[in-house]
mmCIF file of all heavy atoms, coordinates in Angstrom:
data_MODEL
# 
_entry.id   MODEL 
# 
loop_
_atom_site.group_PDB 
_atom_site.id 
_atom_site.type_symbol 
_atom_site.label_atom_id 
_atom_site.label_alt_id 
_atom_site.label_comp_id 
_atom_site.label_asym_id 
_atom_site.label_entity_id 
_atom_site.label_seq_id 
_atom_site.pdbx_PDB_ins_code 
_atom_site.Cartn_x 
_atom_site.Cartn_y 
_atom_site.Cartn_z 
_atom_site.occupancy 
_atom_site.B_iso_or_equiv 
_atom_site.pdbx_formal_charge 
_atom_site.auth_seq_id 
_atom_site.auth_comp_id 
_atom_site.auth_asym_id 
_atom_site.auth_atom_id 
_atom_site.pdbx_PDB_model_num 
ATOM 1   N N   . VAL A 1 1  ? 51.491 91.127  67.504 1.00 0.00 ? 1  VAL A N   1 
ATOM 2   C CA  . VAL A 1 1  ? 51.797 89.746  67.889 1.00 0.00 ? 1  VAL A CA  1 
ATOM 3   C C   . VAL A 1 1  ? 53.006 89.716  68.813 1.00 0.00 ? 1  VAL A C   1 
ATOM 4   O O   . VAL A 1 1  ? 53.051 88.956  69.786 1.00 0.00 ? 1  VAL A O   1 
ATOM 5   C CB  . VAL A 1 1  ? 52.028 88.888  66.635 1.00 0.00 ? 1  VAL A CB  1 
ATOM 6   C CG1 . VAL A 1 1  ? 52.429 87.465  67.031 1.00 0.00 ? 1  VAL A CG1 1 
ATOM 7   C CG2 . VAL A 1 1  ? 50.788 88.862  65.755 1.00 0.00 ? 1  VAL A CG2 1 
ATOM 8   N N   . GLN A 1 2  ? 54.014 90.538  68.512 1.00 0.00 ? 2  GLN A N   1 
ATOM 9   C CA  . GLN A 1 2  ? 55.194 90.605  69.375 1.00 0.00 ? 2  GLN A CA  1 
ATOM 10  C C   . GLN A 1 2  ? 54.811 91.003  70.799 1.00 0.00 ? 2  GLN A C   1 
ATOM 11  O O   . GLN A 1 2  ? 55.327 90.444  71.775 1.00 0.00 ? 2  GLN A O   1 
ATOM 12  C CB  . GLN A 1 2  ? 56.196 91.607  68.795 1.00 0.00 ? 2  GLN A CB  1 
ATOM 13  C CG  . GLN A 1 2  ? 57.391 91.897  69.681 1.00 0.00 ? 2  GLN A CG  1 
ATOM 14  C CD  . GLN A 1 2  ? 58.299 90.689  69.867 1.00 0.00 ? 2  GLN A CD  1 
ATOM 15  O OE1 . GLN A 1 2  ? 59.225 90.475  69.107 1.00 0.00 ? 2  GLN A OE1 1 
ATOM 16  N NE2 . GLN A 1 2  ? 58.040 89.874  70.880 1.00 0.00 ? 2  GLN A NE2 1 
ATOM 17  N N   . ASP A 1 3  ? 53.908 91.946  70.938 1.00 0.00 ? 3  ASP A N   1 
ATOM 18  C CA  . ASP A 1 3  ? 53.480 92.387  72.271 1.00 0.00 ? 3  ASP A CA  1 
ATOM 19  C C   . ASP A 1 3  ? 52.813 91.256  73.047 1.00 0.00 ? 3  ASP A C   1 
ATOM 20  O O   . ASP A 1 3  ? 52.940 91.175  74.281 1.00 0.00 ? 3  ASP A O   1 
ATOM 21  C CB  . ASP A 1 3  ? 52.518 93.566  72.142 1.00 0.00 ? 3  ASP A CB  1 
ATOM 22  C CG  . ASP A 1 3  ? 53.199 94.822  71.615 1.00 0.00 ? 3  ASP A CG  1 
ATOM 23  O OD1 . ASP A 1 3  ? 54.436 94.902  71.716 1.00 0.00 ? 3  ASP A OD1 1 
ATOM 24  O OD2 . ASP A 1 3  ? 52.500 95.706  71.078 1.00 0.00 ? 3  ASP A OD2 1 
ATOM 25  N N   . ARG A 1 4  ? 52.121 90.373  72.333 1.00 0.00 ? 4  ARG A N   1 
ATOM 26  C CA  . ARG A 1 4  ? 51.417 89.277  73.013 1.00 0.00 ? 4  ARG A CA  1 
ATOM 27  C C   . ARG A 1 4  ? 52.332 88.092  73.305 1.00 0.00 ? 4  ARG A C   1 
ATOM 28  O O   . ARG A 1 4  ? 51.959 87.198  74.070 1.00 0.00 ? 4  ARG A O   1 
ATOM 29  C CB  . ARG A 1 4  ? 50.230 88.812  72.155 1.00 0.00 ? 4  ARG A CB  1 
ATOM 30  C CG  . ARG A 1 4  ? 49.159 89.873  71.976 1.00 0.00 ? 4  ARG A CG  1 
ATOM 31  C CD  . ARG A 1 4  ? 47.856 89.270  71.458 1.00 0.00 ? 4  ARG A CD  1 
ATOM 32  N NE  . ARG A 1 4  ? 47.992 88.630  70.166 1.00 0.00 ? 4  ARG A NE  1 
ATOM 33  C CZ  . ARG A 1 4  ? 47.876 89.273  68.996 1.00 0.00 ? 4  ARG A CZ  1 
ATOM 34  N NH1 . ARG A 1 4  ? 47.632 90.578  68.975 1.00 0.00 ? 4  ARG A NH1 1 
ATOM 35  N NH2 . ARG A 1 4  ? 47.981 88.614  67.857 1.00 0.00 ? 4  ARG A NH2 1 
ATOM 36  N N   . HIS A 1 5  ? 53.518 88.064  72.692 1.00 0.00 ? 5  HIS A N   1 
ATOM 37  C CA  . HIS A 1 5  ? 54.443 86.927  72.889 1.00 0.00 ? 5  HIS A CA  1 
ATOM 38  C C   . HIS A 1 5  ? 55.840 87.460  73.218 1.00 0.00 ? 5  HIS A C   1 
ATOM 39  O O   . HIS A 1 5  ? 56.785 87.330  72.426 1.00 0.00 ? 5  HIS A O   1 
ATOM 40  C CB  . HIS A 1 5  ? 54.488 86.053  71.643 1.00 0.00 ? 5  HIS A CB  1 
ATOM 41  C CG  . HIS A 1 5  ? 53.195 85.399  71.301 1.00 0.00 ? 5  HIS A CG  1 
ATOM 42  N ND1 . HIS A 1 5  ? 52.791 84.196  71.839 1.00 0.00 ? 5  HIS A ND1 1 
ATOM 43  C CD2 . HIS A 1 5  ? 52.173 85.799  70.482 1.00 0.00 ? 5  HIS A CD2 1 
ATOM 44  C CE1 . HIS A 1 5  ? 51.604 83.865  71.367 1.00 0.00 ? 5  HIS A CE1 1 
ATOM 45  N NE2 . HIS A 1 5  ? 51.200 84.828  70.541 1.00 0.00 ? 5  HIS A NE2 1 
ATOM 46  N N   . PRO A 1 6  ? 56.022 88.048  74.378 1.00 0.00 ? 6  PRO A N   1 
ATOM 47  C CA  . PRO A 1 6  ? 57.333 88.632  74.722 1.00 0.00 ? 6  PRO A CA  1 
ATOM 48  C C   . PRO A 1 6  ? 58.441 87.591  74.863 1.00 0.00 ? 6  PRO A C   1 
ATOM 49  O O   . PRO A 1 6  ? 59.619 87.936  74.802 1.00 0.00 ? 6  PRO A O   1 
ATOM 50  C CB  . PRO A 1 6  ? 57.060 89.336  76.058 1.00 0.00 ? 6  PRO A CB  1 
ATOM 51  C CG  . PRO A 1 6  ? 55.874 88.633  76.631 1.00 0.00 ? 6  PRO A CG  1 
ATOM 52  C CD  . PRO A 1 6  ? 55.035 88.219  75.457 1.00 0.00 ? 6  PRO A CD  1 
ATOM 53  N N   . GLU A 1 7  ? 58.061 86.311  75.077 1.00 0.00 ? 7  GLU A N   1 
ATOM 54  C CA  . GLU A 1 7  ? 59.084 85.278  75.220 1.00 0.00 ? 7  GLU A CA  1 
ATOM 55  C C   . GLU A 1 7  ? 59.721 84.905  73.876 1.00 0.00 ? 7  GLU A C   1 
ATOM 56  O O   . GLU A 1 7  ? 60.731 84.188  73.839 1.00 0.00 ? 7  GLU A O   1 
ATOM 57  C CB  . GLU A 1 7  ? 58.474 84.034  75.876 1.00 0.00 ? 7  GLU A CB  1 
ATOM 58  C CG  . GLU A 1 7  ? 57.522 83.236  74.984 1.00 0.00 ? 7  GLU A CG  1 
ATOM 59  C CD  . GLU A 1 7  ? 56.127 83.849  74.891 1.00 0.00 ? 7  GLU A CD  1 
ATOM 60  O OE1 . GLU A 1 7  ? 55.912 84.941  75.495 1.00 0.00 ? 7  GLU A OE1 1 
ATOM 61  O OE2 . GLU A 1 7  ? 55.258 83.247  74.244 1.00 0.00 ? 7  GLU A OE2 1 
ATOM 62  N N   . LEU A 1 8  ? 59.137 85.380  72.781 1.00 0.00 ? 8  LEU A N   1 
ATOM 63  C CA  . LEU A 1 8  ? 59.648 85.097  71.438 1.00 0.00 ? 8  LEU A CA  1 
ATOM 64  C C   . LEU A 1 8  ? 60.035 86.406  70.745 1.00 0.00 ? 8  LEU A C   1 
ATOM 65  O O   . LEU A 1 8  ? 59.573 87.493  71.108 1.00 0.00 ? 8  LEU A O   1 
ATOM 66  C CB  . LEU A 1 8  ? 58.598 84.373  70.595 1.00 0.00 ? 8  LEU A CB  1 
ATOM 67  C CG  . LEU A 1 8  ? 58.188 82.978  71.047 1.00 0.00 ? 8  LEU A CG  1 
ATOM 68  C CD1 . LEU A 1 8  ? 56.982 82.498  70.255 1.00 0.00 ? 8  LEU A CD1 1 
ATOM 69  C CD2 . LEU A 1 8  ? 59.356 82.004  70.890 1.00 0.00 ? 8  LEU A CD2 1 
ATOM 70  N N   . ARG A 1 9  ? 60.875 86.287  69.763 1.00 0.00 ? 9  ARG A N   1 
ATOM 71  C CA  . ARG A 1 9  ? 61.228 87.424  68.909 1.00 0.00 ? 9  ARG A CA  1 
ATOM 72  C C   . ARG A 1 9  ? 60.386 87.319  67.646 1.00 0.00 ? 9  ARG A C   1 
ATOM 73  O O   . ARG A 1 9  ? 60.544 86.380  66.864 1.00 0.00 ? 9  ARG A O   1 
ATOM 74  C CB  . ARG A 1 9  ? 62.716 87.391  68.568 1.00 0.00 ? 9  ARG A CB  1 
ATOM 75  C CG  . ARG A 1 9  ? 63.199 88.555  67.725 1.00 0.00 ? 9  ARG A CG  1 
ATOM 76  C CD  . ARG A 1 9  ? 64.705 88.465  67.489 1.00 0.00 ? 9  ARG A CD  1 
ATOM 77  N NE  . ARG A 1 9  ? 65.210 89.618  66.766 1.00 0.00 ? 9  ARG A NE  1 
ATOM 78  C CZ  . ARG A 1 9  ? 66.485 89.812  66.457 1.00 0.00 ? 9  ARG A CZ  1 
ATOM 79  N NH1 . ARG A 1 9  ? 67.390 88.902  66.839 1.00 0.00 ? 9  ARG A NH1 1 
ATOM 80  N NH2 . ARG A 1 9  ? 66.866 90.878  65.794 1.00 0.00 ? 9  ARG A NH2 1 
ATOM 81  N N   . VAL A 1 10 ? 59.495 88.273  67.442 1.00 0.00 ? 10 VAL A N   1 
ATOM 82  C CA  . VAL A 1 10 ? 58.592 88.264  66.289 1.00 0.00 ? 10 VAL A CA  1 
ATOM 83  C C   . VAL A 1 10 ? 58.794 89.581  65.538 1.00 0.00 ? 10 VAL A C   1 
ATOM 84  O O   . VAL A 1 10 ? 58.350 90.633  65.989 1.00 0.00 ? 10 VAL A O   1 
ATOM 85  C CB  . VAL A 1 10 ? 57.116 88.102  66.720 1.00 0.00 ? 10 VAL A CB  1 
ATOM 86  C CG1 . VAL A 1 10 ? 56.216 88.016  65.498 1.00 0.00 ? 10 VAL A CG1 1 
ATOM 87  C CG2 . VAL A 1 10 ? 56.950 86.870  67.609 1.00 0.00 ? 10 VAL A CG2 1 
ATOM 88  N N   . GLU A 1 11 ? 59.488 89.528  64.402 1.00 0.00 ? 11 GLU A N   1 
ATOM 89  C CA  . GLU A 1 11 ? 59.841 90.739  63.665 1.00 0.00 ? 11 GLU A CA  1 
ATOM 90  C C   . GLU A 1 11 ? 59.697 90.513  62.171 1.00 0.00 ? 11 GLU A C   1 
ATOM 91  O O   . GLU A 1 11 ? 59.922 89.405  61.675 1.00 0.00 ? 11 GLU A O   1 
ATOM 92  C CB  . GLU A 1 11 ? 61.279 91.170  63.989 1.00 0.00 ? 11 GLU A CB  1 
ATOM 93  C CG  . GLU A 1 11 ? 61.499 91.511  65.458 1.00 0.00 ? 11 GLU A CG  1 
ATOM 94  C CD  . GLU A 1 11 ? 62.954 91.723  65.789 1.00 0.00 ? 11 GLU A CD  1 
ATOM 95  O OE1 . GLU A 1 11 ? 63.808 91.517  64.897 1.00 0.00 ? 11 GLU A OE1 1 
ATOM 96  O OE2 . GLU A 1 11 ? 63.261 92.081  66.939 1.00 0.00 ? 11 GLU A OE2 1 
ATOM 97  N N   . GLN A 1 12 ? 59.347 91.584  61.462 1.00 0.00 ? 12 GLN A N   1 
ATOM 98  C CA  . GLN A 1 12 ? 59.102 91.503  60.019 1.00 0.00 ? 12 GLN A CA  1 
ATOM 99  C C   . GLN A 1 12 ? 60.222 92.192  59.247 1.00 0.00 ? 12 GLN A C   1 
ATOM 100 O O   . GLN A 1 12 ? 60.775 93.205  59.663 1.00 0.00 ? 12 GLN A O   1 
ATOM 101 C CB  . GLN A 1 12 ? 57.762 92.168  59.680 1.00 0.00 ? 12 GLN A CB  1 
ATOM 102 C CG  . GLN A 1 12 ? 57.408 92.128  58.196 1.00 0.00 ? 12 GLN A CG  1 
ATOM 103 C CD  . GLN A 1 12 ? 56.069 92.762  57.909 1.00 0.00 ? 12 GLN A CD  1 
ATOM 104 O OE1 . GLN A 1 12 ? 55.244 92.924  58.815 1.00 0.00 ? 12 GLN A OE1 1 
ATOM 105 N NE2 . GLN A 1 12 ? 55.829 93.142  56.660 1.00 0.00 ? 12 GLN A NE2 1 
ATOM 106 N N   . ALA A 1 13 ? 60.551 91.636  58.078 1.00 0.00 ? 13 ALA A N   1 
ATOM 107 C CA  . ALA A 1 13 ? 61.524 92.236  57.166 1.00 0.00 ? 13 ALA A CA  1 
ATOM 108 C C   . ALA A 1 13 ? 61.161 91.815  55.751 1.00 0.00 ? 13 ALA A C   1 
ATOM 109 O O   . ALA A 1 13 ? 60.471 90.820  55.539 1.00 0.00 ? 13 ALA A O   1 
ATOM 110 C CB  . ALA A 1 13 ? 62.943 91.802  57.510 1.00 0.00 ? 13 ALA A CB  1 
ATOM 111 N N   . GLY A 1 14 ? 61.636 92.573  54.796 1.00 0.00 ? 14 GLY A N   1 
ATOM 112 C CA  . GLY A 1 14 ? 61.345 92.259  53.406 1.00 0.00 ? 14 GLY A CA  1 
ATOM 113 C C   . GLY A 1 14 ? 61.517 93.480  52.528 1.00 0.00 ? 14 GLY A C   1 
ATOM 114 O O   . GLY A 1 14 ? 61.905 94.562  52.986 1.00 0.00 ? 14 GLY A O   1 
ATOM 115 N N   . ALA A 1 15 ? 61.221 93.318  51.248 1.00 0.00 ? 15 ALA A N   1 
ATOM 116 C CA  . ALA A 1 15 ? 61.429 94.398  50.281 1.00 0.00 ? 15 ALA A CA  1 
ATOM 117 C C   . ALA A 1 15 ? 60.573 95.611  50.590 1.00 0.00 ? 15 ALA A C   1 
ATOM 118 O O   . ALA A 1 15 ? 61.050 96.756  50.576 1.00 0.00 ? 15 ALA A O   1 
ATOM 119 C CB  . ALA A 1 15 ? 61.136 93.883  48.870 1.00 0.00 ? 15 ALA A CB  1 
ATOM 120 N N   . ALA A 1 16 ? 59.291 95.403  50.877 1.00 0.00 ? 16 ALA A N   1 
ATOM 121 C CA  . ALA A 1 16 ? 58.386 96.528  51.129 1.00 0.00 ? 16 ALA A CA  1 
ATOM 122 C C   . ALA A 1 16 ? 58.681 97.195  52.462 1.00 0.00 ? 16 ALA A C   1 
ATOM 123 O O   . ALA A 1 16 ? 58.676 98.432  52.574 1.00 0.00 ? 16 ALA A O   1 
ATOM 124 C CB  . ALA A 1 16 ? 56.938 96.050  51.093 1.00 0.00 ? 16 ALA A CB  1 
ATOM 125 N N   . SER A 1 17 ? 58.957 96.407  53.490 1.00 0.00 ? 17 SER A N   1 
ATOM 126 C CA  . SER A 1 17 ? 59.175 96.986  54.813 1.00 0.00 ? 17 SER A CA  1 
ATOM 127 C C   . SER A 1 17 ? 60.487 97.755  54.888 1.00 0.00 ? 17 SER A C   1 
ATOM 128 O O   . SER A 1 17 ? 60.553 98.812  55.536 1.00 0.00 ? 17 SER A O   1 
ATOM 129 C CB  . SER A 1 17 ? 59.143 95.892  55.883 1.00 0.00 ? 17 SER A CB  1 
ATOM 130 O OG  . SER A 1 17 ? 60.035 94.846  55.568 1.00 0.00 ? 17 SER A OG  1 
ATOM 131 N N   . ILE A 1 18 ? 61.525 97.268  54.223 1.00 0.00 ? 18 ILE A N   1 
ATOM 132 C CA  . ILE A 1 18 ? 62.786 98.015  54.267 1.00 0.00 ? 18 ILE A CA  1 
ATOM 133 C C   . ILE A 1 18 ? 62.672 99.301  53.469 1.00 0.00 ? 18 ILE A C   1 
ATOM 134 O O   . ILE A 1 18 ? 63.260 100.329 53.813 1.00 0.00 ? 18 ILE A O   1 
ATOM 135 C CB  . ILE A 1 18 ? 63.973 97.157  53.776 1.00 0.00 ? 18 ILE A CB  1 
ATOM 136 C CG1 . ILE A 1 18 ? 65.283 97.805  54.225 1.00 0.00 ? 18 ILE A CG1 1 
ATOM 137 C CG2 . ILE A 1 18 ? 63.950 96.986  52.262 1.00 0.00 ? 18 ILE A CG2 1 
ATOM 138 C CD1 . ILE A 1 18 ? 66.493 96.937  54.030 1.00 0.00 ? 18 ILE A CD1 1 
ATOM 139 N N   . GLN A 1 19 ? 61.876 99.262  52.396 1.00 0.00 ? 19 GLN A N   1 
ATOM 140 C CA  . GLN A 1 19 ? 61.647 100.490 51.645 1.00 0.00 ? 19 GLN A CA  1 
ATOM 141 C C   . GLN A 1 19 ? 60.841 101.483 52.481 1.00 0.00 ? 19 GLN A C   1 
ATOM 142 O O   . GLN A 1 19 ? 61.083 102.694 52.434 1.00 0.00 ? 19 GLN A O   1 
ATOM 143 C CB  . GLN A 1 19 ? 60.905 100.181 50.341 1.00 0.00 ? 19 GLN A CB  1 
ATOM 144 C CG  . GLN A 1 19 ? 60.586 101.392 49.473 1.00 0.00 ? 19 GLN A CG  1 
ATOM 145 C CD  . GLN A 1 19 ? 61.827 102.097 48.978 1.00 0.00 ? 19 GLN A CD  1 
ATOM 146 O OE1 . GLN A 1 19 ? 62.879 101.482 48.852 1.00 0.00 ? 19 GLN A OE1 1 
ATOM 147 N NE2 . GLN A 1 19 ? 61.713 103.386 48.722 1.00 0.00 ? 19 GLN A NE2 1 
ATOM 148 N N   . ARG A 1 20 ? 59.924 100.975 53.268 1.00 0.00 ? 20 ARG A N   1 
ATOM 149 C CA  . ARG A 1 20 ? 59.086 101.827 54.103 1.00 0.00 ? 20 ARG A CA  1 
ATOM 150 C C   . ARG A 1 20 ? 59.867 102.431 55.269 1.00 0.00 ? 20 ARG A C   1 
ATOM 151 O O   . ARG A 1 20 ? 59.786 103.637 55.530 1.00 0.00 ? 20 ARG A O   1 
ATOM 152 C CB  . ARG A 1 20 ? 57.911 101.007 54.650 1.00 0.00 ? 20 ARG A CB  1 
ATOM 153 C CG  . ARG A 1 20 ? 57.013 101.729 55.634 1.00 0.00 ? 20 ARG A CG  1 
ATOM 154 C CD  . ARG A 1 20 ? 56.175 102.779 54.951 1.00 0.00 ? 20 ARG A CD  1 
ATOM 155 N NE  . ARG A 1 20 ? 55.275 103.440 55.879 1.00 0.00 ? 20 ARG A NE  1 
ATOM 156 C CZ  . ARG A 1 20 ? 54.451 104.416 55.534 1.00 0.00 ? 20 ARG A CZ  1 
ATOM 157 N NH1 . ARG A 1 20 ? 54.429 104.824 54.271 1.00 0.00 ? 20 ARG A NH1 1 
ATOM 158 N NH2 . ARG A 1 20 ? 53.658 104.974 56.416 1.00 0.00 ? 20 ARG A NH2 1 
ATOM 159 N N   . LEU A 1 21 ? 60.652 101.591 55.955 1.00 0.00 ? 21 LEU A N   1 
ATOM 160 C CA  . LEU A 1 21 ? 61.315 102.033 57.172 1.00 0.00 ? 21 LEU A CA  1 
ATOM 161 C C   . LEU A 1 21 ? 62.679 102.665 56.894 1.00 0.00 ? 21 LEU A C   1 
ATOM 162 O O   . LEU A 1 21 ? 62.952 103.785 57.327 1.00 0.00 ? 21 LEU A O   1 
ATOM 163 C CB  . LEU A 1 21 ? 61.470 100.850 58.134 1.00 0.00 ? 21 LEU A CB  1 
ATOM 164 C CG  . LEU A 1 21 ? 60.162 100.202 58.594 1.00 0.00 ? 21 LEU A CG  1 
ATOM 165 C CD1 . LEU A 1 21 ? 60.456 98.997  59.468 1.00 0.00 ? 21 LEU A CD1 1 
ATOM 166 C CD2 . LEU A 1 21 ? 59.310 101.202 59.356 1.00 0.00 ? 21 LEU A CD2 1 
ATOM 167 N N   . ALA A 1 22 ? 63.518 101.942 56.167 1.00 0.00 ? 22 ALA A N   1 
ATOM 168 C CA  . ALA A 1 22 ? 64.871 102.441 55.927 1.00 0.00 ? 22 ALA A CA  1 
ATOM 169 C C   . ALA A 1 22 ? 64.918 103.379 54.735 1.00 0.00 ? 22 ALA A C   1 
ATOM 170 O O   . ALA A 1 22 ? 65.659 104.363 54.740 1.00 0.00 ? 22 ALA A O   1 
ATOM 171 C CB  . ALA A 1 22 ? 65.821 101.265 55.704 1.00 0.00 ? 22 ALA A CB  1 
ATOM 172 N N   . GLY A 1 23 ? 64.124 103.082 53.692 1.00 0.00 ? 23 GLY A N   1 
ATOM 173 C CA  . GLY A 1 23 ? 64.145 103.931 52.507 1.00 0.00 ? 23 GLY A CA  1 
ATOM 174 C C   . GLY A 1 23 ? 63.742 105.351 52.817 1.00 0.00 ? 23 GLY A C   1 
ATOM 175 O O   . GLY A 1 23 ? 64.334 106.309 52.321 1.00 0.00 ? 23 GLY A O   1 
ATOM 176 N N   . VAL A 1 24 ? 62.740 105.504 53.666 1.00 0.00 ? 24 VAL A N   1 
ATOM 177 C CA  . VAL A 1 24 ? 62.306 106.847 54.061 1.00 0.00 ? 24 VAL A CA  1 
ATOM 178 C C   . VAL A 1 24 ? 63.426 107.562 54.808 1.00 0.00 ? 24 VAL A C   1 
ATOM 179 O O   . VAL A 1 24 ? 63.696 108.751 54.587 1.00 0.00 ? 24 VAL A O   1 
ATOM 180 C CB  . VAL A 1 24 ? 61.036 106.763 54.929 1.00 0.00 ? 24 VAL A CB  1 
ATOM 181 C CG1 . VAL A 1 24 ? 60.713 108.117 55.530 1.00 0.00 ? 24 VAL A CG1 1 
ATOM 182 C CG2 . VAL A 1 24 ? 59.863 106.247 54.111 1.00 0.00 ? 24 VAL A CG2 1 
ATOM 183 N N   . ALA A 1 25 ? 64.104 106.838 55.698 1.00 0.00 ? 25 ALA A N   1 
ATOM 184 C CA  . ALA A 1 25 ? 65.192 107.446 56.468 1.00 0.00 ? 25 ALA A CA  1 
ATOM 185 C C   . ALA A 1 25 ? 66.334 107.883 55.563 1.00 0.00 ? 25 ALA A C   1 
ATOM 186 O O   . ALA A 1 25 ? 66.911 108.963 55.743 1.00 0.00 ? 25 ALA A O   1 
ATOM 187 C CB  . ALA A 1 25 ? 65.696 106.455 57.516 1.00 0.00 ? 25 ALA A CB  1 
ATOM 188 N N   . VAL A 1 26 ? 66.672 107.057 54.579 1.00 0.00 ? 26 VAL A N   1 
ATOM 189 C CA  . VAL A 1 26 ? 67.754 107.405 53.659 1.00 0.00 ? 26 VAL A CA  1 
ATOM 190 C C   . VAL A 1 26 ? 67.366 108.611 52.815 1.00 0.00 ? 26 VAL A C   1 
ATOM 191 O O   . VAL A 1 26 ? 68.179 109.519 52.575 1.00 0.00 ? 26 VAL A O   1 
ATOM 192 C CB  . VAL A 1 26 ? 68.107 106.195 52.769 1.00 0.00 ? 26 VAL A CB  1 
ATOM 193 C CG1 . VAL A 1 26 ? 69.078 106.603 51.667 1.00 0.00 ? 26 VAL A CG1 1 
ATOM 194 C CG2 . VAL A 1 26 ? 68.700 105.073 53.615 1.00 0.00 ? 26 VAL A CG2 1 
# 
């Protein structure tokens, strides 16, 4: 969706996504 709407900021965050993205890095 972000790719189709470059004029807007469309980003996801939450318990599952931070565990997926940041938790793996930590």
